[in-house]
Amino acid sequence: MSELETKRAAIADLLARIEGLDPQDRAVLDQRVETVVEGFDPGAPEPSEPARADLHRMIRDYRDLRDLPADRANVRLAEKGEVFAPEDDA
């Protein structure tokens, strides 16, 4: 299991406990995790409730890790001179 998959599983477990979801109902839980991760606002203040604060940090870490490969790919392309300014797209 990759680090990204491990983090997503931890988010699912905590979300199931917080929201009272059945951890065996993977379809519902996966959809809920996807909704929460995509709707996450990184600029929002961390919740005061400990479990929600943990979830907030887990989602932030997950998204940072998920988005990292794209950043690395962009750096490699830029180093090769293959990244162009938007006005070059015309």
C-alpha atoms as a PDB file:
ATOM      1  CA  MET A   1       0.000   0.000   0.000  1.00  0.00           C
ATOM      2  CA  SER A   2       1.440   3.390  -1.012  1.00  0.00           C
ATOM      3  CA  GLU A   3       1.759   6.284   1.401  1.00  0.00           C
ATOM      4  CA  LEU A   4      -1.103   8.034  -0.394  1.00  0.00           C
ATOM      5  CA  GLU A   5      -3.358   4.980  -0.028  1.00  0.00           C
ATOM      6  CA  THR A   6      -2.409   4.663   3.642  1.00  0.00           C
ATOM      7  CA  LYS A   7      -3.333   8.289   4.298  1.00  0.00           C
ATOM      8  CA  ARG A   8      -6.637   7.914   2.445  1.00  0.00           C
ATOM      9  CA  ALA A   9      -7.484   4.797   4.487  1.00  0.00           C
ATOM     10  CA  ALA A  10      -6.738   6.692   7.713  1.00  0.00           C
ATOM     11  CA  ILE A  11      -9.036   9.512   6.573  1.00  0.00           C
ATOM     12  CA  ALA A  12     -11.770   6.964   5.819  1.00  0.00           C
ATOM     13  CA  ASP A  13     -11.426   5.337   9.239  1.00  0.00           C
ATOM     14  CA  LEU A  14     -11.574   8.632  11.106  1.00  0.00           C
ATOM     15  CA  LEU A  15     -14.419   9.955   8.971  1.00  0.00           C
ATOM     16  CA  ALA A  16     -16.416   6.771   9.600  1.00  0.00           C
ATOM     17  CA  ARG A  17     -15.990   7.239  13.356  1.00  0.00           C
ATOM     18  CA  ILE A  18     -16.817  10.953  13.309  1.00  0.00           C
ATOM     19  CA  GLU A  19     -19.884  10.636  11.087  1.00  0.00           C
ATOM     20  CA  GLY A  20     -21.070   7.238  12.293  1.00  0.00           C
ATOM     21  CA  LEU A  21     -20.664   5.614   8.874  1.00  0.00           C
ATOM     22  CA  ASP A  22     -20.428   1.858   8.438  1.00  0.00           C
ATOM     23  CA  PRO A  23     -16.742   1.128   7.723  1.00  0.00           C
ATOM     24  CA  GLN A  24     -17.794  -2.007   5.828  1.00  0.00           C
ATOM     25  CA  ASP A  25     -19.848   0.005   3.311  1.00  0.00           C
ATOM     26  CA  ARG A  26     -16.859   0.929   1.163  1.00  0.00           C
ATOM     27  CA  ALA A  27     -18.869   2.554  -1.626  1.00  0.00           C
ATOM     28  CA  VAL A  28     -20.545   5.073   0.682  1.00  0.00           C
ATOM     29  CA  LEU A  29     -17.366   5.674   2.647  1.00  0.00           C
ATOM     30  CA  ASP A  30     -15.225   6.134  -0.486  1.00  0.00           C
ATOM     31  CA  GLN A  31     -17.729   8.620  -1.900  1.00  0.00           C
ATOM     32  CA  ARG A  32     -17.819  10.539   1.382  1.00  0.00           C
ATOM     33  CA  VAL A  33     -14.003  10.649   1.566  1.00  0.00           C
ATOM     34  CA  GLU A  34     -13.850  11.929  -2.012  1.00  0.00           C
ATOM     35  CA  THR A  35     -16.406  14.641  -1.226  1.00  0.00           C
ATOM     36  CA  VAL A  36     -14.587  15.743   1.925  1.00  0.00           C
ATOM     37  CA  VAL A  37     -11.138  15.737   0.305  1.00  0.00           C
ATOM     38  CA  GLU A  38     -12.248  17.676  -2.785  1.00  0.00           C
ATOM     39  CA  GLY A  39     -14.293  20.138  -0.729  1.00  0.00           C
ATOM     40  CA  PHE A  40     -11.450  20.807   1.696  1.00  0.00           C
ATOM     41  CA  ASP A  41     -10.502  24.465   2.101  1.00  0.00           C
ATOM     42  CA  PRO A  42      -6.816  24.656   3.040  1.00  0.00           C
ATOM     43  CA  GLY A  43      -7.305  28.247   4.170  1.00  0.00           C
ATOM     44  CA  ALA A  44     -10.039  27.366   6.660  1.00  0.00           C
ATOM     45  CA  PRO A  45      -9.089  27.534  10.324  1.00  0.00           C
ATOM     46  CA  GLU A  46      -8.435  24.236  12.057  1.00  0.00           C
ATOM     47  CA  PRO A  47     -11.534  23.056  13.965  1.00  0.00           C
ATOM     48  CA  SER A  48     -11.444  23.165  17.751  1.00  0.00           C
ATOM     49  CA  GLU A  49     -12.922  19.669  18.186  1.00  0.00           C
ATOM     50  CA  PRO A  50      -9.945  17.249  18.464  1.00  0.00           C
ATOM     51  CA  ALA A  51     -11.274  14.598  16.055  1.00  0.00           C
ATOM     52  CA  ARG A  52     -12.201  17.198  13.430  1.00  0.00           C
ATOM     53  CA  ALA A  53      -8.813  18.885  13.886  1.00  0.00           C
ATOM     54  CA  ASP A  54      -7.107  15.530  13.252  1.00  0.00           C
ATOM     55  CA  LEU A  55      -9.254  15.042  10.143  1.00  0.00           C
ATOM     56  CA  HIS A  56      -8.366  18.536   8.949  1.00  0.00           C
ATOM     57  CA  ARG A  57      -4.623  17.816   9.288  1.00  0.00           C
ATOM     58  CA  MET A  58      -4.961  14.401   7.641  1.00  0.00           C
ATOM     59  CA  ILE A  59      -6.796  15.829   4.646  1.00  0.00           C
ATOM     60  CA  ARG A  60      -4.258  18.650   4.298  1.00  0.00           C
ATOM     61  CA  ASP A  61      -1.381  16.142   4.388  1.00  0.00           C
ATOM     62  CA  TYR A  62      -3.155  13.843   1.930  1.00  0.00           C
ATOM     63  CA  ARG A  63      -3.780  16.653  -0.551  1.00  0.00           C
ATOM     64  CA  ASP A  64      -0.201  17.896  -0.221  1.00  0.00           C
ATOM     65  CA  LEU A  65       1.116  14.423  -0.949  1.00  0.00           C
ATOM     66  CA  ARG A  66      -1.370  13.845  -3.781  1.00  0.00           C
ATOM     67  CA  ASP A  67      -0.458  17.119  -5.473  1.00  0.00           C
ATOM     68  CA  LEU A  68       3.300  16.706  -5.038  1.00  0.00           C
ATOM     69  CA  PRO A  69       3.925  14.455  -8.079  1.00  0.00           C
ATOM     70  CA  ALA A  70       2.414  17.035 -10.421  1.00  0.00           C
ATOM     71  CA  ASP A  71       4.676  19.694  -8.933  1.00  0.00           C
ATOM     72  CA  ARG A  72       7.709  17.476  -9.404  1.00  0.00           C
ATOM     73  CA  ALA A  73       6.705  16.738 -13.006  1.00  0.00           C
ATOM     74  CA  ASN A  74       6.347  20.463 -13.706  1.00  0.00           C
ATOM     75  CA  VAL A  75       9.812  21.125 -12.296  1.00  0.00           C
ATOM     76  CA  ARG A  76      11.321  18.417 -14.495  1.00  0.00           C
ATOM     77  CA  LEU A  77       9.580  19.840 -17.571  1.00  0.00           C
ATOM     78  CA  ALA A  78      10.731  23.355 -16.710  1.00  0.00           C
ATOM     79  CA  GLU A  79      14.302  22.150 -16.332  1.00  0.00           C
ATOM     80  CA  LYS A  80      14.068  20.705 -19.845  1.00  0.00           C
ATOM     81  CA  GLY A  81      12.602  23.968 -21.156  1.00  0.00           C
ATOM     82  CA  GLU A  82       9.283  22.333 -22.008  1.00  0.00           C
ATOM     83  CA  VAL A  83       7.028  24.657 -20.007  1.00  0.00           C
ATOM     84  CA  PHE A  84       5.646  27.626 -21.860  1.00  0.00           C
ATOM     85  CA  ALA A  85       3.900  30.767 -20.736  1.00  0.00           C
ATOM     86  CA  PRO A  86       0.109  30.829 -21.304  1.00  0.00           C
ATOM     87  CA  GLU A  87       0.498  33.394 -24.087  1.00  0.00           C
ATOM     88  CA  ASP A  88       2.603  30.837 -26.000  1.00  0.00           C
ATOM     89  CA  ASP A  89      -0.395  28.506 -26.264  1.00  0.00           C
ATOM     90  CA  ALA A  90      -2.059  30.519 -29.041  1.00  0.00           C
END
